[in-house]
PDB file of all heavy atoms in Angstrom:
ATOM      1  N   ALA A   1      -2.162   5.271 -10.006  1.00  0.00           N
ATOM      2  CA  ALA A   1      -1.274   5.011 -11.059  1.00  0.00           C
ATOM      3  C   ALA A   1       0.053   5.785 -10.935  1.00  0.00           C
ATOM      4  O   ALA A   1      -0.045   7.011 -10.513  1.00  0.00           O
ATOM      5  CB  ALA A   1      -2.019   5.460 -12.377  1.00  0.00           C
ATOM      6  N   ALA A   2       1.137   5.242 -11.340  1.00  0.00           N
ATOM      7  CA  ALA A   2       2.457   5.961 -11.208  1.00  0.00           C
ATOM      8  C   ALA A   2       2.667   6.647 -12.513  1.00  0.00           C
ATOM      9  O   ALA A   2       2.266   6.171 -13.531  1.00  0.00           O
ATOM     10  CB  ALA A   2       3.485   5.040 -11.047  1.00  0.00           C
ATOM     11  N   SER A   3       3.181   7.792 -12.412  1.00  0.00           N
ATOM     12  CA  SER A   3       3.396   8.669 -13.638  1.00  0.00           C
ATOM     13  C   SER A   3       4.691   8.338 -14.437  1.00  0.00           C
ATOM     14  O   SER A   3       4.746   8.780 -15.435  1.00  0.00           O
ATOM     15  CB  SER A   3       3.600  10.134 -13.101  1.00  0.00           C
ATOM     16  OG  SER A   3       4.680  10.255 -12.349  1.00  0.00           O
ATOM     17  N   ALA A   4       5.376   7.349 -13.806  1.00  0.00           N
ATOM     18  CA  ALA A   4       6.661   6.877 -14.589  1.00  0.00           C
ATOM     19  C   ALA A   4       6.807   5.407 -14.383  1.00  0.00           C
ATOM     20  O   ALA A   4       6.075   4.858 -13.539  1.00  0.00           O
ATOM     21  CB  ALA A   4       7.831   7.737 -14.052  1.00  0.00           C
ATOM     22  N   SER A   5       7.754   4.882 -15.089  1.00  0.00           N
ATOM     23  CA  SER A   5       8.047   3.470 -14.982  1.00  0.00           C
ATOM     24  C   SER A   5       9.545   3.353 -14.786  1.00  0.00           C
ATOM     25  O   SER A   5      10.239   4.307 -14.669  1.00  0.00           O
ATOM     26  CB  SER A   5       7.509   2.725 -16.140  1.00  0.00           C
ATOM     27  OG  SER A   5       8.141   3.261 -17.264  1.00  0.00           O
ATOM     28  N   GLY A   6       9.941   2.005 -14.895  1.00  0.00           N
ATOM     29  CA  GLY A   6      11.330   1.748 -14.719  1.00  0.00           C
ATOM     30  C   GLY A   6      12.010   1.511 -13.365  1.00  0.00           C
ATOM     31  O   GLY A   6      13.084   1.469 -13.237  1.00  0.00           O
ATOM     32  N   PHE A   7      11.030   1.511 -12.394  1.00  0.00           N
ATOM     33  CA  PHE A   7      11.552   1.244 -11.041  1.00  0.00           C
ATOM     34  C   PHE A   7      11.441   0.005 -10.506  1.00  0.00           C
ATOM     35  O   PHE A   7      11.698  -0.462  -9.399  1.00  0.00           O
ATOM     36  CB  PHE A   7      10.765   2.234 -10.050  1.00  0.00           C
ATOM     37  CG  PHE A   7       9.310   2.206 -10.312  1.00  0.00           C
ATOM     38  CD1 PHE A   7       8.559   1.270  -9.721  1.00  0.00           C
ATOM     39  CD2 PHE A   7       8.737   3.248 -10.935  1.00  0.00           C
ATOM     40  CE1 PHE A   7       7.192   1.200  -9.831  1.00  0.00           C
ATOM     41  CE2 PHE A   7       7.251   3.267 -11.060  1.00  0.00           C
ATOM     42  CZ  PHE A   7       6.531   2.209 -10.573  1.00  0.00           C
ATOM     43  N   GLY A   8      11.098  -1.061 -11.541  1.00  0.00           N
ATOM     44  CA  GLY A   8      10.971  -2.375 -11.168  1.00  0.00           C
ATOM     45  C   GLY A   8       9.809  -2.873 -10.428  1.00  0.00           C
ATOM     46  O   GLY A   8       8.846  -1.941 -10.227  1.00  0.00           O
ATOM     47  N   ARG A   9       9.662  -4.053 -10.056  1.00  0.00           N
ATOM     48  CA  ARG A   9       8.584  -4.447  -9.283  1.00  0.00           C
ATOM     49  C   ARG A   9       8.779  -4.053  -7.858  1.00  0.00           C
ATOM     50  O   ARG A   9       9.711  -4.510  -7.211  1.00  0.00           O
ATOM     51  CB  ARG A   9       8.454  -5.948  -9.484  1.00  0.00           C
ATOM     52  CG  ARG A   9       7.200  -6.597  -8.718  1.00  0.00           C
ATOM     53  CD  ARG A   9       6.998  -8.060  -9.080  1.00  0.00           C
ATOM     54  NE  ARG A   9       6.492  -8.278 -10.457  1.00  0.00           N
ATOM     55  CZ  ARG A   9       6.180  -9.293 -10.980  1.00  0.00           C
ATOM     56  NH1 ARG A   9       6.287 -10.384 -10.257  1.00  0.00           N
ATOM     57  NH2 ARG A   9       5.760  -9.459 -12.266  1.00  0.00           N
ATOM     58  N   VAL A  10       7.787  -3.373  -7.390  1.00  0.00           N
ATOM     59  CA  VAL A  10       7.872  -2.980  -5.877  1.00  0.00           C
ATOM     60  C   VAL A  10       6.529  -3.281  -5.230  1.00  0.00           C
ATOM     61  O   VAL A  10       5.498  -3.519  -5.859  1.00  0.00           O
ATOM     62  CB  VAL A  10       8.160  -1.304  -5.737  1.00  0.00           C
ATOM     63  CG1 VAL A  10       9.481  -1.065  -6.498  1.00  0.00           C
ATOM     64  CG2 VAL A  10       6.964  -0.601  -6.566  1.00  0.00           C
ATOM     65  N   SER A  11       6.547  -3.198  -3.886  1.00  0.00           N
ATOM     66  CA  SER A  11       5.260  -3.330  -3.166  1.00  0.00           C
ATOM     67  C   SER A  11       4.497  -2.191  -3.415  1.00  0.00           C
ATOM     68  O   SER A  11       4.944  -1.052  -3.535  1.00  0.00           O
ATOM     69  CB  SER A  11       5.654  -3.532  -1.680  1.00  0.00           C
ATOM     70  OG  SER A  11       6.417  -4.681  -1.398  1.00  0.00           O
ATOM     71  N   MET A  12       3.124  -2.466  -3.421  1.00  0.00           N
ATOM     72  CA  MET A  12       2.251  -1.306  -3.611  1.00  0.00           C
ATOM     73  C   MET A  12       1.050  -1.494  -2.581  1.00  0.00           C
ATOM     74  O   MET A  12       0.722  -2.521  -2.260  1.00  0.00           O
ATOM     75  CB  MET A  12       1.557  -1.450  -4.963  1.00  0.00           C
ATOM     76  CG  MET A  12       2.600  -1.348  -6.144  1.00  0.00           C
ATOM     77  SD  MET A  12       1.873  -1.402  -7.833  1.00  0.00           S
ATOM     78  CE  MET A  12       1.390  -3.092  -7.915  1.00  0.00           C
ATOM     79  N   GLY A  13       0.691  -0.299  -2.067  1.00  0.00           N
ATOM     80  CA  GLY A  13      -0.340  -0.479  -1.113  1.00  0.00           C
ATOM     81  C   GLY A  13      -1.165   0.774  -0.860  1.00  0.00           C
ATOM     82  O   GLY A  13      -1.033   1.793  -1.629  1.00  0.00           O
ATOM     83  N   TRP A  14      -2.008   0.653   0.140  1.00  0.00           N
ATOM     84  CA  TRP A  14      -2.852   1.753   0.645  1.00  0.00           C
ATOM     85  C   TRP A  14      -2.886   1.986   2.087  1.00  0.00           C
ATOM     86  O   TRP A  14      -2.816   0.994   2.803  1.00  0.00           O
ATOM     87  CB  TRP A  14      -4.382   1.407   0.150  1.00  0.00           C
ATOM     88  CG  TRP A  14      -4.597   1.377  -1.284  1.00  0.00           C
ATOM     89  CD1 TRP A  14      -4.540   0.238  -2.157  1.00  0.00           C
ATOM     90  CD2 TRP A  14      -4.876   2.620  -2.212  1.00  0.00           C
ATOM     91  NE1 TRP A  14      -4.782   0.804  -3.428  1.00  0.00           N
ATOM     92  CE2 TRP A  14      -5.031   2.144  -3.376  1.00  0.00           C
ATOM     93  CE3 TRP A  14      -5.131   3.912  -1.915  1.00  0.00           C
ATOM     94  CZ2 TRP A  14      -5.335   2.966  -4.591  1.00  0.00           C
ATOM     95  CZ3 TRP A  14      -5.432   4.764  -2.908  1.00  0.00           C
ATOM     96  CH2 TRP A  14      -5.542   4.209  -4.243  1.00  0.00           C
ATOM     97  N   TYR A  15      -2.715   3.157   2.512  1.00  0.00           N
ATOM     98  CA  TYR A  15      -2.773   3.518   3.843  1.00  0.00           C
ATOM     99  C   TYR A  15      -3.944   4.576   4.057  1.00  0.00           C
ATOM    100  O   TYR A  15      -4.344   5.078   3.041  1.00  0.00           O
ATOM    101  CB  TYR A  15      -1.546   4.305   4.233  1.00  0.00           C
ATOM    102  CG  TYR A  15      -0.254   3.379   4.452  1.00  0.00           C
ATOM    103  CD1 TYR A  15       0.279   2.858   3.428  1.00  0.00           C
ATOM    104  CD2 TYR A  15       0.236   3.194   5.789  1.00  0.00           C
ATOM    105  CE1 TYR A  15       1.349   1.991   3.543  1.00  0.00           C
ATOM    106  CE2 TYR A  15       1.363   2.268   5.898  1.00  0.00           C
ATOM    107  CZ  TYR A  15       1.947   1.816   4.762  1.00  0.00           C
ATOM    108  OH  TYR A  15       3.116   0.971   4.951  1.00  0.00           O
ATOM    109  N   ARG A  16      -4.395   4.795   5.271  1.00  0.00           N
ATOM    110  CA  ARG A  16      -5.427   5.777   5.466  1.00  0.00           C
ATOM    111  C   ARG A  16      -5.075   6.510   6.796  1.00  0.00           C
ATOM    112  O   ARG A  16      -4.392   6.070   7.602  1.00  0.00           O
ATOM    113  CB  ARG A  16      -6.794   5.079   5.662  1.00  0.00           C
ATOM    114  CG  ARG A  16      -6.996   4.142   6.741  1.00  0.00           C
ATOM    115  CD  ARG A  16      -8.431   3.597   6.679  1.00  0.00           C
ATOM    116  NE  ARG A  16      -8.698   2.636   7.726  1.00  0.00           N
ATOM    117  CZ  ARG A  16      -9.710   1.782   7.757  1.00  0.00           C
ATOM    118  NH1 ARG A  16     -10.710   1.751   6.762  1.00  0.00           N
ATOM    119  NH2 ARG A  16      -9.909   0.905   8.836  1.00  0.00           N
ATOM    120  N   GLN A  17      -5.610   7.718   6.902  1.00  0.00           N
ATOM    121  CA  GLN A  17      -5.369   8.449   7.950  1.00  0.00           C
ATOM    122  C   GLN A  17      -6.709   9.135   8.493  1.00  0.00           C
ATOM    123  O   GLN A  17      -7.386   9.851   7.645  1.00  0.00           O
ATOM    124  CB  GLN A  17      -4.432   9.520   7.640  1.00  0.00           C
ATOM    125  CG  GLN A  17      -3.959  10.533   8.710  1.00  0.00           C
ATOM    126  CD  GLN A  17      -2.737  11.280   8.382  1.00  0.00           C
ATOM    127  OE1 GLN A  17      -2.538  11.589   7.249  1.00  0.00           O
ATOM    128  NE2 GLN A  17      -1.933  11.769   9.357  1.00  0.00           N
ATOM    129  N   PHE A  18      -6.972   8.953   9.787  1.00  0.00           N
ATOM    130  CA  PHE A  18      -8.100   9.545  10.450  1.00  0.00           C
ATOM    131  C   PHE A  18      -7.600  10.937  10.963  1.00  0.00           C
ATOM    132  O   PHE A  18      -6.410  11.031  11.291  1.00  0.00           O
ATOM    133  CB  PHE A  18      -8.551   8.740  11.523  1.00  0.00           C
ATOM    134  CG  PHE A  18      -8.921   7.234  10.957  1.00  0.00           C
ATOM    135  CD1 PHE A  18      -8.249   6.167  11.467  1.00  0.00           C
ATOM    136  CD2 PHE A  18     -10.064   7.110  10.328  1.00  0.00           C
ATOM    137  CE1 PHE A  18      -8.507   4.879  11.025  1.00  0.00           C
ATOM    138  CE2 PHE A  18     -10.405   5.702   9.866  1.00  0.00           C
ATOM    139  CZ  PHE A  18      -9.573   4.644  10.247  1.00  0.00           C
ATOM    140  N   PRO A  19      -8.509  11.871  11.197  1.00  0.00           N
ATOM    141  CA  PRO A  19      -8.214  13.191  11.773  1.00  0.00           C
ATOM    142  C   PRO A  19      -7.478  12.976  13.041  1.00  0.00           C
ATOM    143  O   PRO A  19      -7.903  12.370  13.947  1.00  0.00           O
ATOM    144  CB  PRO A  19      -9.540  13.845  11.896  1.00  0.00           C
ATOM    145  CG  PRO A  19     -10.357  13.265  10.853  1.00  0.00           C
ATOM    146  CD  PRO A  19     -10.059  11.771  10.865  1.00  0.00           C
ATOM    147  N   GLY A  20      -6.290  13.615  13.140  1.00  0.00           N
ATOM    148  CA  GLY A  20      -5.524  13.608  14.491  1.00  0.00           C
ATOM    149  C   GLY A  20      -4.792  12.399  14.700  1.00  0.00           C
ATOM    150  O   GLY A  20      -4.212  12.119  15.803  1.00  0.00           O
ATOM    151  N   THR A  21      -4.700  11.505  13.745  1.00  0.00           N
ATOM    152  CA  THR A  21      -4.007  10.198  13.989  1.00  0.00           C
ATOM    153  C   THR A  21      -2.823  10.138  12.844  1.00  0.00           C
ATOM    154  O   THR A  21      -2.790  10.805  11.879  1.00  0.00           O
ATOM    155  CB  THR A  21      -4.809   9.079  13.872  1.00  0.00           C
ATOM    156  OG1 THR A  21      -5.273   8.831  12.610  1.00  0.00           O
ATOM    157  CG2 THR A  21      -5.974   9.106  14.821  1.00  0.00           C
ATOM    158  N   GLU A  22      -2.039   9.097  13.151  1.00  0.00           N
ATOM    159  CA  GLU A  22      -0.930   8.751  12.109  1.00  0.00           C
ATOM    160  C   GLU A  22      -1.619   7.879  10.978  1.00  0.00           C
ATOM    161  O   GLU A  22      -2.503   7.178  11.230  1.00  0.00           O
ATOM    162  CB  GLU A  22       0.243   8.060  12.713  1.00  0.00           C
ATOM    163  CG  GLU A  22       0.926   8.903  13.763  1.00  0.00           C
ATOM    164  CD  GLU A  22       2.216   8.234  14.252  1.00  0.00           C
ATOM    165  OE1 GLU A  22       2.481   7.204  14.012  1.00  0.00           O
ATOM    166  OE2 GLU A  22       2.990   9.026  15.116  1.00  0.00           O
ATOM    167  N   ARG A  23      -0.887   7.876   9.885  1.00  0.00           N
ATOM    168  CA  ARG A  23      -1.312   7.108   8.797  1.00  0.00           C
ATOM    169  C   ARG A  23      -1.134   5.556   9.188  1.00  0.00           C
ATOM    170  O   ARG A  23      -0.190   5.113   9.856  1.00  0.00           O
ATOM    171  CB  ARG A  23      -0.348   7.471   7.498  1.00  0.00           C
ATOM    172  CG  ARG A  23      -0.979   7.318   6.228  1.00  0.00           C
ATOM    173  CD  ARG A  23      -0.084   8.017   5.318  1.00  0.00           C
ATOM    174  NE  ARG A  23      -0.042   9.404   5.140  1.00  0.00           N
ATOM    175  CZ  ARG A  23       0.614  10.113   4.276  1.00  0.00           C
ATOM    176  NH1 ARG A  23       1.253   9.519   3.278  1.00  0.00           N
ATOM    177  NH2 ARG A  23       0.464  11.527   4.311  1.00  0.00           N
ATOM    178  N   GLU A  24      -2.132   4.717   8.796  1.00  0.00           N
ATOM    179  CA  GLU A  24      -2.107   3.376   9.100  1.00  0.00           C
ATOM    180  C   GLU A  24      -2.262   2.521   7.851  1.00  0.00           C
ATOM    181  O   GLU A  24      -3.009   2.993   6.932  1.00  0.00           O
ATOM    182  CB  GLU A  24      -3.237   2.938  10.117  1.00  0.00           C
ATOM    183  CG  GLU A  24      -4.559   3.015   9.559  1.00  0.00           C
ATOM    184  CD  GLU A  24      -5.611   2.713  10.574  1.00  0.00           C
ATOM    185  OE1 GLU A  24      -5.392   2.878  11.771  1.00  0.00           O
ATOM    186  OE2 GLU A  24      -6.669   2.151  10.079  1.00  0.00           O
ATOM    187  N   LEU A  25      -1.556   1.360   7.945  1.00  0.00           N
ATOM    188  CA  LEU A  25      -1.724   0.484   6.688  1.00  0.00           C
ATOM    189  C   LEU A  25      -3.157  -0.096   6.576  1.00  0.00           C
ATOM    190  O   LEU A  25      -3.631  -0.649   7.556  1.00  0.00           O
ATOM    191  CB  LEU A  25      -0.758  -0.727   6.829  1.00  0.00           C
ATOM    192  CG  LEU A  25      -0.772  -1.818   5.776  1.00  0.00           C
ATOM    193  CD1 LEU A  25      -0.345  -1.256   4.414  1.00  0.00           C
ATOM    194  CD2 LEU A  25       0.072  -2.993   6.151  1.00  0.00           C
ATOM    195  N   VAL A  26      -3.659  -0.003   5.391  1.00  0.00           N
ATOM    196  CA  VAL A  26      -4.856  -0.770   4.982  1.00  0.00           C
ATOM    197  C   VAL A  26      -4.621  -2.084   4.364  1.00  0.00           C
ATOM    198  O   VAL A  26      -5.157  -3.022   4.708  1.00  0.00           O
ATOM    199  CB  VAL A  26      -5.751   0.222   4.090  1.00  0.00           C
ATOM    200  CG1 VAL A  26      -7.046  -0.518   3.770  1.00  0.00           C
ATOM    201  CG2 VAL A  26      -6.109   1.484   4.829  1.00  0.00           C
ATOM    202  N   ALA A  27      -3.764  -1.948   3.339  1.00  0.00           N
ATOM    203  CA  ALA A  27      -3.549  -3.251   2.494  1.00  0.00           C
ATOM    204  C   ALA A  27      -2.335  -2.977   1.622  1.00  0.00           C
ATOM    205  O   ALA A  27      -2.007  -1.953   1.360  1.00  0.00           O
ATOM    206  CB  ALA A  27      -4.723  -3.552   1.575  1.00  0.00           C
ATOM    207  N   MET A  28      -1.599  -4.100   1.559  1.00  0.00           N
ATOM    208  CA  MET A  28      -0.345  -4.077   0.698  1.00  0.00           C
ATOM    209  C   MET A  28      -0.302  -5.282  -0.166  1.00  0.00           C
ATOM    210  O   MET A  28      -0.688  -6.373   0.181  1.00  0.00           O
ATOM    211  CB  MET A  28       0.903  -4.084   1.600  1.00  0.00           C
ATOM    212  CG  MET A  28       2.280  -3.878   0.997  1.00  0.00           C
ATOM    213  SD  MET A  28       2.422  -2.116   0.500  1.00  0.00           S
ATOM    214  CE  MET A  28       2.532  -1.386   1.966  1.00  0.00           C
ATOM    215  N   ILE A  29       0.237  -5.175  -1.352  1.00  0.00           N
ATOM    216  CA  ILE A  29       0.522  -6.258  -2.244  1.00  0.00           C
ATOM    217  C   ILE A  29       1.868  -6.340  -2.859  1.00  0.00           C
ATOM    218  O   ILE A  29       2.487  -5.275  -3.087  1.00  0.00           O
ATOM    219  CB  ILE A  29      -0.458  -6.298  -3.465  1.00  0.00           C
ATOM    220  CG1 ILE A  29      -0.353  -7.520  -4.287  1.00  0.00           C
ATOM    221  CG2 ILE A  29      -0.356  -4.921  -4.150  1.00  0.00           C
ATOM    222  CD1 ILE A  29      -1.557  -7.657  -5.199  1.00  0.00           C
ATOM    223  N   THR A  30       2.459  -7.541  -2.746  1.00  0.00           N
ATOM    224  CA  THR A  30       3.818  -7.731  -3.185  1.00  0.00           C
ATOM    225  C   THR A  30       3.819  -8.768  -4.184  1.00  0.00           C
ATOM    226  O   THR A  30       3.231  -9.892  -4.130  1.00  0.00           O
ATOM    227  CB  THR A  30       4.673  -8.060  -2.015  1.00  0.00           C
ATOM    228  OG1 THR A  30       4.563  -7.123  -0.937  1.00  0.00           O
ATOM    229  CG2 THR A  30       6.266  -8.239  -2.525  1.00  0.00           C
ATOM    230  N   ASP A  31       4.570  -8.603  -5.345  1.00  0.00           N
ATOM    231  CA  ASP A  31       4.775  -9.531  -6.402  1.00  0.00           C
ATOM    232  C   ASP A  31       3.443 -10.032  -7.006  1.00  0.00           C
ATOM    233  O   ASP A  31       3.129 -11.027  -7.449  1.00  0.00           O
ATOM    234  CB  ASP A  31       5.417 -10.771  -5.964  1.00  0.00           C
ATOM    235  CG  ASP A  31       6.926 -10.496  -5.613  1.00  0.00           C
ATOM    236  OD1 ASP A  31       7.561  -9.573  -6.273  1.00  0.00           O
ATOM    237  OD2 ASP A  31       7.525 -11.318  -4.755  1.00  0.00           O
ATOM    238  N   GLU A  32       2.458  -9.034  -6.894  1.00  0.00           N
ATOM    239  CA  GLU A  32       1.068  -9.165  -7.484  1.00  0.00           C
ATOM    240  C   GLU A  32       0.147 -10.212  -6.891  1.00  0.00           C
ATOM    241  O   GLU A  32      -0.875 -10.409  -7.340  1.00  0.00           O
ATOM    242  CB  GLU A  32       1.189  -9.309  -8.999  1.00  0.00           C
ATOM    243  CG  GLU A  32       1.728  -8.098  -9.719  1.00  0.00           C
ATOM    244  CD  GLU A  32       1.638  -8.228 -11.278  1.00  0.00           C
ATOM    245  OE1 GLU A  32       1.010  -9.229 -11.731  1.00  0.00           O
ATOM    246  OE2 GLU A  32       1.932  -7.315 -11.846  1.00  0.00           O
ATOM    247  N   THR A  33       0.782 -10.905  -5.877  1.00  0.00           N
ATOM    248  CA  THR A  33       0.057 -12.006  -5.261  1.00  0.00           C
ATOM    249  C   THR A  33       0.074 -12.066  -3.817  1.00  0.00           C
ATOM    250  O   THR A  33      -0.958 -12.517  -3.155  1.00  0.00           O
ATOM    251  CB  THR A  33       0.622 -13.411  -5.813  1.00  0.00           C
ATOM    252  OG1 THR A  33       1.937 -13.472  -5.411  1.00  0.00           O
ATOM    253  CG2 THR A  33       0.380 -13.538  -7.243  1.00  0.00           C
ATOM    254  N   ILE A  34       1.074 -11.607  -3.117  1.00  0.00           N
ATOM    255  CA  ILE A  34       1.218 -11.558  -1.783  1.00  0.00           C
ATOM    256  C   ILE A  34       0.563 -10.371  -1.069  1.00  0.00           C
ATOM    257  O   ILE A  34       0.899  -9.306  -1.381  1.00  0.00           O
ATOM    258  CB  ILE A  34       2.682 -11.788  -1.215  1.00  0.00           C
ATOM    259  CG1 ILE A  34       3.361 -12.994  -1.842  1.00  0.00           C
ATOM    260  CG2 ILE A  34       2.644 -11.800   0.284  1.00  0.00           C
ATOM    261  CD1 ILE A  34       4.762 -12.936  -1.715  1.00  0.00           C
ATOM    262  N   THR A  35      -0.574 -10.693  -0.332  1.00  0.00           N
ATOM    263  CA  THR A  35      -1.360  -9.532   0.204  1.00  0.00           C
ATOM    264  C   THR A  35      -1.353  -9.438   1.699  1.00  0.00           C
ATOM    265  O   THR A  35      -1.257 -10.504   2.327  1.00  0.00           O
ATOM    266  CB  THR A  35      -2.827  -9.545  -0.285  1.00  0.00           C
ATOM    267  OG1 THR A  35      -3.435 -10.849   0.062  1.00  0.00           O
ATOM    268  CG2 THR A  35      -2.861  -9.396  -1.833  1.00  0.00           C
ATOM    269  N   THR A  36      -1.530  -8.320   2.167  1.00  0.00           N
ATOM    270  CA  THR A  36      -1.563  -7.989   3.578  1.00  0.00           C
ATOM    271  C   THR A  36      -2.688  -7.108   3.850  1.00  0.00           C
ATOM    272  O   THR A  36      -2.851  -6.118   3.195  1.00  0.00           O
ATOM    273  CB  THR A  36      -0.241  -7.521   4.326  1.00  0.00           C
ATOM    274  OG1 THR A  36       0.813  -8.426   3.937  1.00  0.00           O
ATOM    275  CG2 THR A  36      -0.329  -7.294   5.742  1.00  0.00           C
ATOM    276  N   TYR A  37      -3.502  -7.380   4.896  1.00  0.00           N
ATOM    277  CA  TYR A  37      -4.604  -6.616   5.218  1.00  0.00           C
ATOM    278  C   TYR A  37      -4.647  -6.249   6.735  1.00  0.00           C
ATOM    279  O   TYR A  37      -4.332  -6.996   7.610  1.00  0.00           O
ATOM    280  CB  TYR A  37      -6.013  -7.134   4.913  1.00  0.00           C
ATOM    281  CG  TYR A  37      -6.148  -7.408   3.393  1.00  0.00           C
ATOM    282  CD1 TYR A  37      -5.870  -8.605   2.818  1.00  0.00           C
ATOM    283  CD2 TYR A  37      -6.675  -6.401   2.535  1.00  0.00           C
ATOM    284  CE1 TYR A  37      -6.109  -8.816   1.438  1.00  0.00           C
ATOM    285  CE2 TYR A  37      -6.882  -6.631   1.170  1.00  0.00           C
ATOM    286  CZ  TYR A  37      -6.506  -7.891   0.666  1.00  0.00           C
ATOM    287  OH  TYR A  37      -6.733  -8.008  -0.577  1.00  0.00           O
ATOM    288  N   ALA A  38      -5.092  -4.893   6.875  1.00  0.00           N
ATOM    289  CA  ALA A  38      -5.409  -4.597   8.408  1.00  0.00           C
ATOM    290  C   ALA A  38      -6.563  -5.481   8.755  1.00  0.00           C
ATOM    291  O   ALA A  38      -7.469  -5.682   8.028  1.00  0.00           O
ATOM    292  CB  ALA A  38      -5.803  -3.105   8.488  1.00  0.00           C
ATOM    293  N   ASP A  39      -6.621  -5.831  10.031  1.00  0.00           N
ATOM    294  CA  ASP A  39      -7.706  -6.741  10.575  1.00  0.00           C
ATOM    295  C   ASP A  39      -9.137  -6.107  10.384  1.00  0.00           C
ATOM    296  O   ASP A  39     -10.057  -6.828  10.071  1.00  0.00           O
ATOM    297  CB  ASP A  39      -7.595  -6.975  12.069  1.00  0.00           C
ATOM    298  CG  ASP A  39      -6.363  -7.977  12.393  1.00  0.00           C
ATOM    299  OD1 ASP A  39      -5.889  -8.614  11.364  1.00  0.00           O
ATOM    300  OD2 ASP A  39      -5.868  -7.996  13.511  1.00  0.00           O
ATOM    301  N   SER A  40      -9.144  -4.695  10.436  1.00  0.00           N
ATOM    302  CA  SER A  40     -10.491  -4.000  10.354  1.00  0.00           C
ATOM    303  C   SER A  40     -11.057  -4.081   8.944  1.00  0.00           C
ATOM    304  O   SER A  40     -12.246  -3.737   8.812  1.00  0.00           O
ATOM    305  CB  SER A  40     -10.307  -2.613  10.809  1.00  0.00           C
ATOM    306  OG  SER A  40      -9.250  -1.950   9.962  1.00  0.00           O
TER     307      SER A  40
END
């Protein structure tokens, strides 16, 4: 949850990070309906 509002509709998502690696995209949602997922 965001602690504030007023920034309009933005993409929201989740990333994950394994030890020693860079953050990677897990899933993203745009306009509450358009979703993207990592193949895994």
